[in-house]
Amino acid sequence: MEAIWDWGIQFIKGFQTITCAPLDWIAFLVHYGFNVPAYLLIVSVFMFCVDFHKGFAMGQTMLISVGVNGIIKHKLAVPRPFQRDPSVFRITETGFSTPSGHSQTASTVLPLLAWMCPSWKKVWRILLATLCPLIIAVSRTYLGVHYPTDVLAGLLLGYIFSIGYMFWGSKLLTIVQGIPHSMQTLFWAMVAMVIVVFDKGSSDMAGAVFGMSLAYYAVVKDGGLKAAEGLWWQKLLRTLIGLGIFGVLYLGMKALFPSEGDYREAGRFIRYMVSLFCGIYYGVLLSVKLRLAERETEAKKA
């Protein structure tokens, strides 16, 4: 592996000899703008404005992918290129290097987004699913935070998740939705537990998986949400309501729970679980109460 990493650093050095201001802008935009919170924003807009069920599926696929990425990163514990050779340093990044989280998340979410929006022009869907993840992956190498092998591994894993959902994910989701609510909750609790067991550092993603699943089934039990219905300003307002609830609770609990110590990971799990649950469930509930949204069906009896 040392030889591969050394080759990777030489590749980065050669790549960084390119002087191109637009490439710098793209690389820094990707670093700060294409992260998990940004993708959660995409998922939120999809759930509140396009298709509540598909948005949930996209979100869960993304969160599980991110959780698996964290597990692999901590198991391999590969130092980043700029930590091995400070001469390739362009920007600070924490955590381990392999595989690239930005690349994996992009190739998980963006192909799913293109697949779930068949009304978009085919050429734009193809570019979104292929070119965008590739640009994001290349930018990570340019900044010296990932080896070329990191971004290739990230892209491969991400496409496995996105394509896997396209072929089998919807079938699995249908099977899960056909079992009693208590068993559905247990299923997602087990998914969250597996993530935590294999990587305690991914407790935030585990909490997000569990919180989103609880919110989804609570909303469905209450009658669901006609996400595609409504005027543009109604869609905007109900999305902002959900994001506002999430943001207030997230920041409040971030200040409340310890950032260090034995209970740090437990606090992160609870913060993401509660924030996502309330943001989705009460965001939908308030939107319906304020006549910004409609239910799909009548509420199901317990």
Protein backbone atom coordinates (compact mmCIF):
# COMPACT_ATOMS: atom_id res chain seq x y z
CA MET A 1 0.00 0.00 0.00
CA GLU A 2 2.91 2.35 0.66
CA ALA A 3 3.81 2.24 -3.04
CA ILE A 4 0.22 3.07 -4.04
CA TRP A 5 0.10 6.00 -1.63
CA ASP A 6 3.48 7.28 -2.84
CA TRP A 7 2.25 7.08 -6.43
CA GLY A 8 -0.92 8.89 -5.36
CA ILE A 9 1.06 11.74 -3.82
CA GLN A 10 3.14 12.09 -7.00
CA PHE A 11 -0.11 12.17 -9.00
CA ILE A 12 -1.47 14.92 -6.74
CA LYS A 13 1.72 16.95 -7.09
CA GLY A 14 1.49 16.73 -10.87
CA PHE A 15 -2.20 17.64 -10.79
CA GLN A 16 -1.58 20.63 -8.55
CA THR A 17 0.87 22.13 -11.05
CA ILE A 18 -2.18 23.11 -13.11
CA THR A 19 -2.88 26.82 -12.59
CA CYS A 20 -6.59 27.35 -13.08
CA ALA A 21 -8.70 29.74 -11.02
CA PRO A 22 -12.04 28.06 -11.94
CA LEU A 23 -10.65 24.72 -10.74
CA ASP A 24 -9.74 26.34 -7.42
CA TRP A 25 -13.24 27.76 -7.07
CA ILE A 26 -14.87 24.43 -7.90
CA ALA A 27 -12.64 22.55 -5.46
CA PHE A 28 -13.39 24.90 -2.57
CA LEU A 29 -17.10 25.02 -3.44
CA VAL A 30 -17.24 21.22 -3.35
CA HIS A 31 -15.33 21.11 -0.06
CA TYR A 32 -17.67 23.48 1.76
CA GLY A 33 -20.91 23.01 -0.17
CA PHE A 34 -21.21 19.33 -1.07
CA ASN A 35 -21.30 17.74 2.37
CA VAL A 36 -23.88 15.74 4.36
CA PRO A 37 -25.91 18.82 5.50
CA ALA A 38 -26.20 19.94 1.85
CA TYR A 39 -27.51 16.54 0.80
CA LEU A 40 -29.91 16.49 3.75
CA LEU A 41 -31.22 19.79 2.40
CA ILE A 42 -31.80 18.15 -1.00
CA VAL A 43 -33.58 15.25 0.72
CA SER A 44 -35.73 17.66 2.73
CA VAL A 45 -36.81 19.60 -0.36
CA PHE A 46 -37.62 16.32 -2.11
CA MET A 47 -39.69 15.04 0.83
CA PHE A 48 -41.67 18.26 1.25
CA CYS A 49 -41.99 19.32 -2.39
CA VAL A 50 -41.67 16.34 -4.75
CA ASP A 51 -42.37 12.89 -3.30
CA PHE A 52 -42.39 12.17 0.43
CA HIS A 53 -41.81 8.43 0.03
CA LYS A 54 -39.01 8.68 -2.52
CA GLY A 55 -37.38 11.43 -0.48
CA PHE A 56 -37.33 9.12 2.53
CA ALA A 57 -35.77 6.34 0.45
CA MET A 58 -33.14 8.71 -0.92
CA GLY A 59 -32.32 9.98 2.57
CA GLN A 60 -32.00 6.55 4.14
CA THR A 61 -29.83 5.28 1.28
CA MET A 62 -27.56 8.30 1.67
CA LEU A 63 -27.31 7.99 5.47
CA ILE A 64 -26.52 4.28 5.34
CA SER A 65 -23.91 4.96 2.65
CA VAL A 66 -22.30 7.65 4.82
CA GLY A 67 -22.37 5.29 7.80
CA VAL A 68 -20.65 2.54 5.82
CA ASN A 69 -18.08 5.06 4.61
CA GLY A 70 -17.27 5.95 8.22
CA ILE A 71 -16.95 2.30 9.17
CA ILE A 72 -14.49 1.58 6.35
CA LYS A 73 -12.52 4.78 7.04
CA HIS A 74 -11.96 3.89 10.69
CA LYS A 75 -11.15 0.26 9.96
CA LEU A 76 -8.51 1.14 7.34
CA ALA A 77 -7.25 4.26 9.19
CA VAL A 78 -5.38 5.60 6.15
CA PRO A 79 -3.75 9.02 6.75
CA ARG A 80 -4.58 11.77 4.29
CA PRO A 81 -2.06 12.75 1.56
CA PHE A 82 -1.22 16.11 3.12
CA GLN A 83 -0.43 14.31 6.39
CA ARG A 84 2.12 12.13 4.62
CA ASP A 85 3.49 14.95 2.49
CA PRO A 86 2.71 18.52 3.66
CA SER A 87 3.73 19.90 0.24
CA VAL A 88 0.36 18.85 -1.23
CA PHE A 89 -1.61 20.71 1.46
CA ARG A 90 -4.32 23.01 0.11
CA ILE A 91 -7.00 22.83 2.80
CA THR A 92 -7.53 21.23 6.21
CA GLU A 93 -9.66 18.10 6.43
CA THR A 94 -10.25 15.89 9.46
CA GLY A 95 -10.62 12.14 9.75
CA PHE A 96 -9.09 9.38 7.66
CA SER A 97 -8.68 9.24 3.90
CA THR A 98 -10.00 5.99 2.40
CA PRO A 99 -12.58 5.98 0.85
CA SER A 100 -13.54 9.52 -0.11
CA GLY A 101 -16.75 10.52 1.66
CA HIS A 102 -17.51 13.39 -0.73
CA SER A 103 -17.15 11.09 -3.74
CA GLN A 104 -19.22 8.30 -2.21
CA THR A 105 -22.06 10.55 -1.10
CA ALA A 106 -22.19 12.30 -4.48
CA SER A 107 -22.36 9.03 -6.41
CA THR A 108 -25.04 7.79 -4.00
CA VAL A 109 -27.38 10.78 -3.98
CA LEU A 110 -27.01 12.43 -7.40
CA PRO A 111 -27.76 9.32 -9.50
CA LEU A 112 -30.78 8.64 -7.30
CA LEU A 113 -31.94 12.24 -7.72
CA ALA A 114 -31.64 11.92 -11.51
CA TRP A 115 -33.44 8.55 -11.47
CA MET A 116 -36.27 9.82 -9.29
CA CYS A 117 -36.92 12.81 -11.56
CA PRO A 118 -37.81 11.21 -14.93
CA SER A 119 -39.49 14.41 -16.16
CA TRP A 120 -36.13 16.21 -16.34
CA LYS A 121 -34.32 16.28 -19.68
CA LYS A 122 -32.35 13.09 -20.23
CA VAL A 123 -29.08 14.87 -20.96
CA TRP A 124 -29.23 16.79 -17.65
CA ARG A 125 -30.05 13.62 -15.73
CA ILE A 126 -27.07 11.82 -17.28
CA LEU A 127 -24.73 14.72 -16.48
CA LEU A 128 -26.06 14.91 -12.92
CA ALA A 129 -25.55 11.18 -12.37
CA THR A 130 -22.10 10.91 -13.96
CA LEU A 131 -20.25 14.18 -14.56
CA CYS A 132 -21.12 15.86 -11.23
CA PRO A 133 -19.83 13.00 -9.02
CA LEU A 134 -16.69 12.82 -11.19
CA ILE A 135 -16.00 16.56 -10.81
CA ILE A 136 -16.51 16.29 -7.05
CA ALA A 137 -14.13 13.31 -6.90
CA VAL A 138 -11.43 15.03 -8.96
CA SER A 139 -11.61 18.15 -6.79
CA ARG A 140 -10.84 16.11 -3.67
CA THR A 141 -7.57 14.90 -5.18
CA TYR A 142 -6.72 18.41 -6.37
CA LEU A 143 -7.00 19.71 -2.79
CA GLY A 144 -4.63 17.02 -1.52
CA VAL A 145 -7.15 15.53 0.91
CA HIS A 146 -7.58 12.23 -0.98
CA TYR A 147 -5.47 9.84 -3.03
CA PRO A 148 -6.76 8.95 -6.52
CA THR A 149 -7.53 5.48 -5.18
CA ASP A 150 -9.69 7.05 -2.44
CA VAL A 151 -11.97 8.82 -4.88
CA LEU A 152 -12.21 5.78 -7.14
CA ALA A 153 -13.22 3.63 -4.15
CA GLY A 154 -15.72 6.29 -3.04
CA LEU A 155 -17.29 6.52 -6.48
CA LEU A 156 -17.54 2.74 -6.75
CA LEU A 157 -19.17 2.34 -3.34
CA GLY A 158 -21.58 5.21 -3.97
CA TYR A 159 -22.71 3.78 -7.29
CA ILE A 160 -23.18 0.38 -5.66
CA PHE A 161 -25.61 2.01 -3.21
CA SER A 162 -27.48 4.10 -5.80
CA ILE A 163 -27.73 1.38 -8.45
CA GLY A 164 -28.50 -1.18 -5.75
CA TYR A 165 -31.46 0.88 -4.63
CA MET A 166 -32.68 1.26 -8.22
CA PHE A 167 -32.78 -2.51 -8.65
CA TRP A 168 -33.57 -3.82 -5.16
CA GLY A 169 -34.07 -0.95 -2.71
CA SER A 170 -37.67 -0.15 -3.61
CA LYS A 171 -38.57 -3.84 -3.32
CA LEU A 172 -36.94 -4.05 0.11
CA LEU A 173 -38.72 -0.88 1.23
CA THR A 174 -42.05 -2.34 0.08
CA ILE A 175 -41.39 -5.52 2.08
CA VAL A 176 -40.45 -3.51 5.18
CA GLN A 177 -43.58 -1.35 4.83
CA GLY A 178 -45.71 -4.50 4.70
CA ILE A 179 -44.76 -5.64 8.19
CA PRO A 180 -46.24 -4.28 11.45
CA HIS A 181 -45.15 -0.80 12.53
CA SER A 182 -43.33 -2.13 15.59
CA MET A 183 -41.28 -4.47 13.40
CA GLN A 184 -40.50 -1.64 10.99
CA THR A 185 -39.17 0.40 13.90
CA LEU A 186 -37.11 -2.57 15.05
CA PHE A 187 -35.68 -3.00 11.54
CA TRP A 188 -34.38 0.57 11.36
CA ALA A 189 -33.19 0.40 14.98
CA MET A 190 -31.09 -2.62 14.02
CA VAL A 191 -29.67 -0.76 11.01
CA ALA A 192 -28.71 2.13 13.30
CA MET A 193 -27.24 -0.26 15.88
CA VAL A 194 -25.09 -2.01 13.27
CA ILE A 195 -23.62 1.34 12.21
CA VAL A 196 -22.81 2.25 15.83
CA VAL A 197 -21.39 -1.17 16.70
CA PHE A 198 -18.95 -1.13 13.80
CA ASP A 199 -18.06 2.54 14.12
CA LYS A 200 -18.89 4.59 17.21
CA GLY A 201 -17.78 7.69 15.29
CA SER A 202 -20.81 7.31 13.01
CA SER A 203 -23.33 7.68 15.84
CA ASP A 204 -24.67 10.85 14.21
CA MET A 205 -25.56 8.98 11.02
CA ALA A 206 -27.07 6.14 13.06
CA GLY A 207 -29.23 8.62 14.93
CA ALA A 208 -30.27 10.26 11.66
CA VAL A 209 -31.27 6.87 10.19
CA PHE A 210 -33.42 6.05 13.20
CA GLY A 211 -34.93 9.53 13.54
CA MET A 212 -35.87 9.74 9.87
CA SER A 213 -37.48 6.29 9.95
CA LEU A 214 -39.55 7.16 13.05
CA ALA A 215 -40.71 10.40 11.42
CA TYR A 216 -41.54 8.73 8.13
CA TYR A 217 -43.77 6.06 9.65
CA ALA A 218 -45.42 8.56 12.00
CA VAL A 219 -46.29 10.80 9.03
CA VAL A 220 -47.57 7.82 6.99
CA LYS A 221 -49.70 6.72 9.94
CA ASP A 222 -51.23 10.21 10.12
CA GLY A 223 -52.12 10.11 6.42
CA GLY A 224 -48.88 10.92 4.63
CA LEU A 225 -48.13 14.04 2.62
CA LYS A 226 -49.04 15.10 -0.91
CA ALA A 227 -45.62 16.58 -1.52
CA ALA A 228 -46.17 17.37 -5.19
CA GLU A 229 -49.40 19.29 -4.46
CA GLY A 230 -49.53 23.01 -3.75
CA LEU A 231 -48.26 26.32 -5.07
CA TRP A 232 -44.55 27.12 -5.10
CA TRP A 233 -44.80 29.40 -2.07
CA GLN A 234 -46.65 26.71 -0.09
CA LYS A 235 -43.90 24.21 -0.88
CA LEU A 236 -41.27 26.76 0.08
CA LEU A 237 -42.94 27.59 3.39
CA ARG A 238 -43.49 23.99 4.48
CA THR A 239 -39.86 23.17 3.62
CA LEU A 240 -38.67 26.16 5.65
CA ILE A 241 -40.89 25.11 8.57
CA GLY A 242 -39.34 21.64 8.61
CA LEU A 243 -35.80 22.97 8.26
CA GLY A 244 -36.46 25.60 10.91
CA ILE A 245 -37.61 23.03 13.46
CA PHE A 246 -34.62 20.85 12.65
CA GLY A 247 -32.17 23.75 12.89
CA VAL A 248 -33.45 25.10 16.22
CA LEU A 249 -33.42 21.68 17.87
CA TYR A 250 -30.06 20.70 16.37
CA LEU A 251 -28.30 23.89 17.52
CA GLY A 252 -30.03 23.82 20.90
CA MET A 253 -29.02 20.24 21.64
CA LYS A 254 -25.53 20.84 20.27
CA ALA A 255 -25.11 23.51 22.95
CA LEU A 256 -26.73 21.29 25.58
CA PHE A 257 -24.89 18.01 25.06
CA PRO A 258 -21.13 17.67 25.76
CA SER A 259 -18.79 17.92 22.76
CA GLU A 260 -16.16 15.80 24.48
CA GLY A 261 -16.05 12.96 27.00
CA ASP A 262 -17.75 9.61 27.46
CA TYR A 263 -21.22 10.81 26.47
CA ARG A 264 -20.22 12.66 23.29
CA GLU A 265 -21.36 9.96 20.87
CA ALA A 266 -24.61 9.34 22.76
CA GLY A 267 -25.32 13.07 22.55
CA ARG A 268 -24.68 13.10 18.79
CA PHE A 269 -27.01 10.13 18.29
CA ILE A 270 -29.82 11.79 20.26
CA ARG A 271 -29.26 15.17 18.60
CA TYR A 272 -29.61 13.84 15.07
CA MET A 273 -32.43 11.46 15.94
CA VAL A 274 -34.60 14.05 17.69
CA SER A 275 -33.82 16.89 15.27
CA LEU A 276 -34.64 14.88 12.16
CA PHE A 277 -37.74 13.31 13.69
CA CYS A 278 -39.18 16.64 14.78
CA GLY A 279 -38.13 18.47 11.63
CA ILE A 280 -39.93 15.99 9.40
CA TYR A 281 -42.90 14.97 11.54
CA TYR A 282 -43.81 18.33 13.05
CA GLY A 283 -42.86 20.11 9.82
CA VAL A 284 -45.52 18.08 8.02
CA LEU A 285 -48.00 18.40 10.89
CA LEU A 286 -47.71 22.19 11.06
CA SER A 287 -47.87 22.47 7.28
CA VAL A 288 -51.14 20.56 7.25
CA LYS A 289 -52.54 22.62 10.14
CA LEU A 290 -51.61 25.86 8.35
CA ARG A 291 -53.17 24.56 5.11
CA LEU A 292 -49.84 24.58 3.33
CA ALA A 293 -50.12 20.86 2.55
CA GLU A 294 -52.62 18.03 2.26
CA ARG A 295 -52.65 14.46 3.48
CA GLU A 296 -52.63 11.52 1.06
CA THR A 297 -55.12 9.47 3.04
CA GLU A 298 -57.05 9.51 6.28
CA ALA A 299 -55.07 8.85 9.43
CA LYS A 300 -54.66 5.16 10.26
CA LYS A 301 -56.04 3.96 13.59
CA ALA A 302 -53.58 2.56 16.08
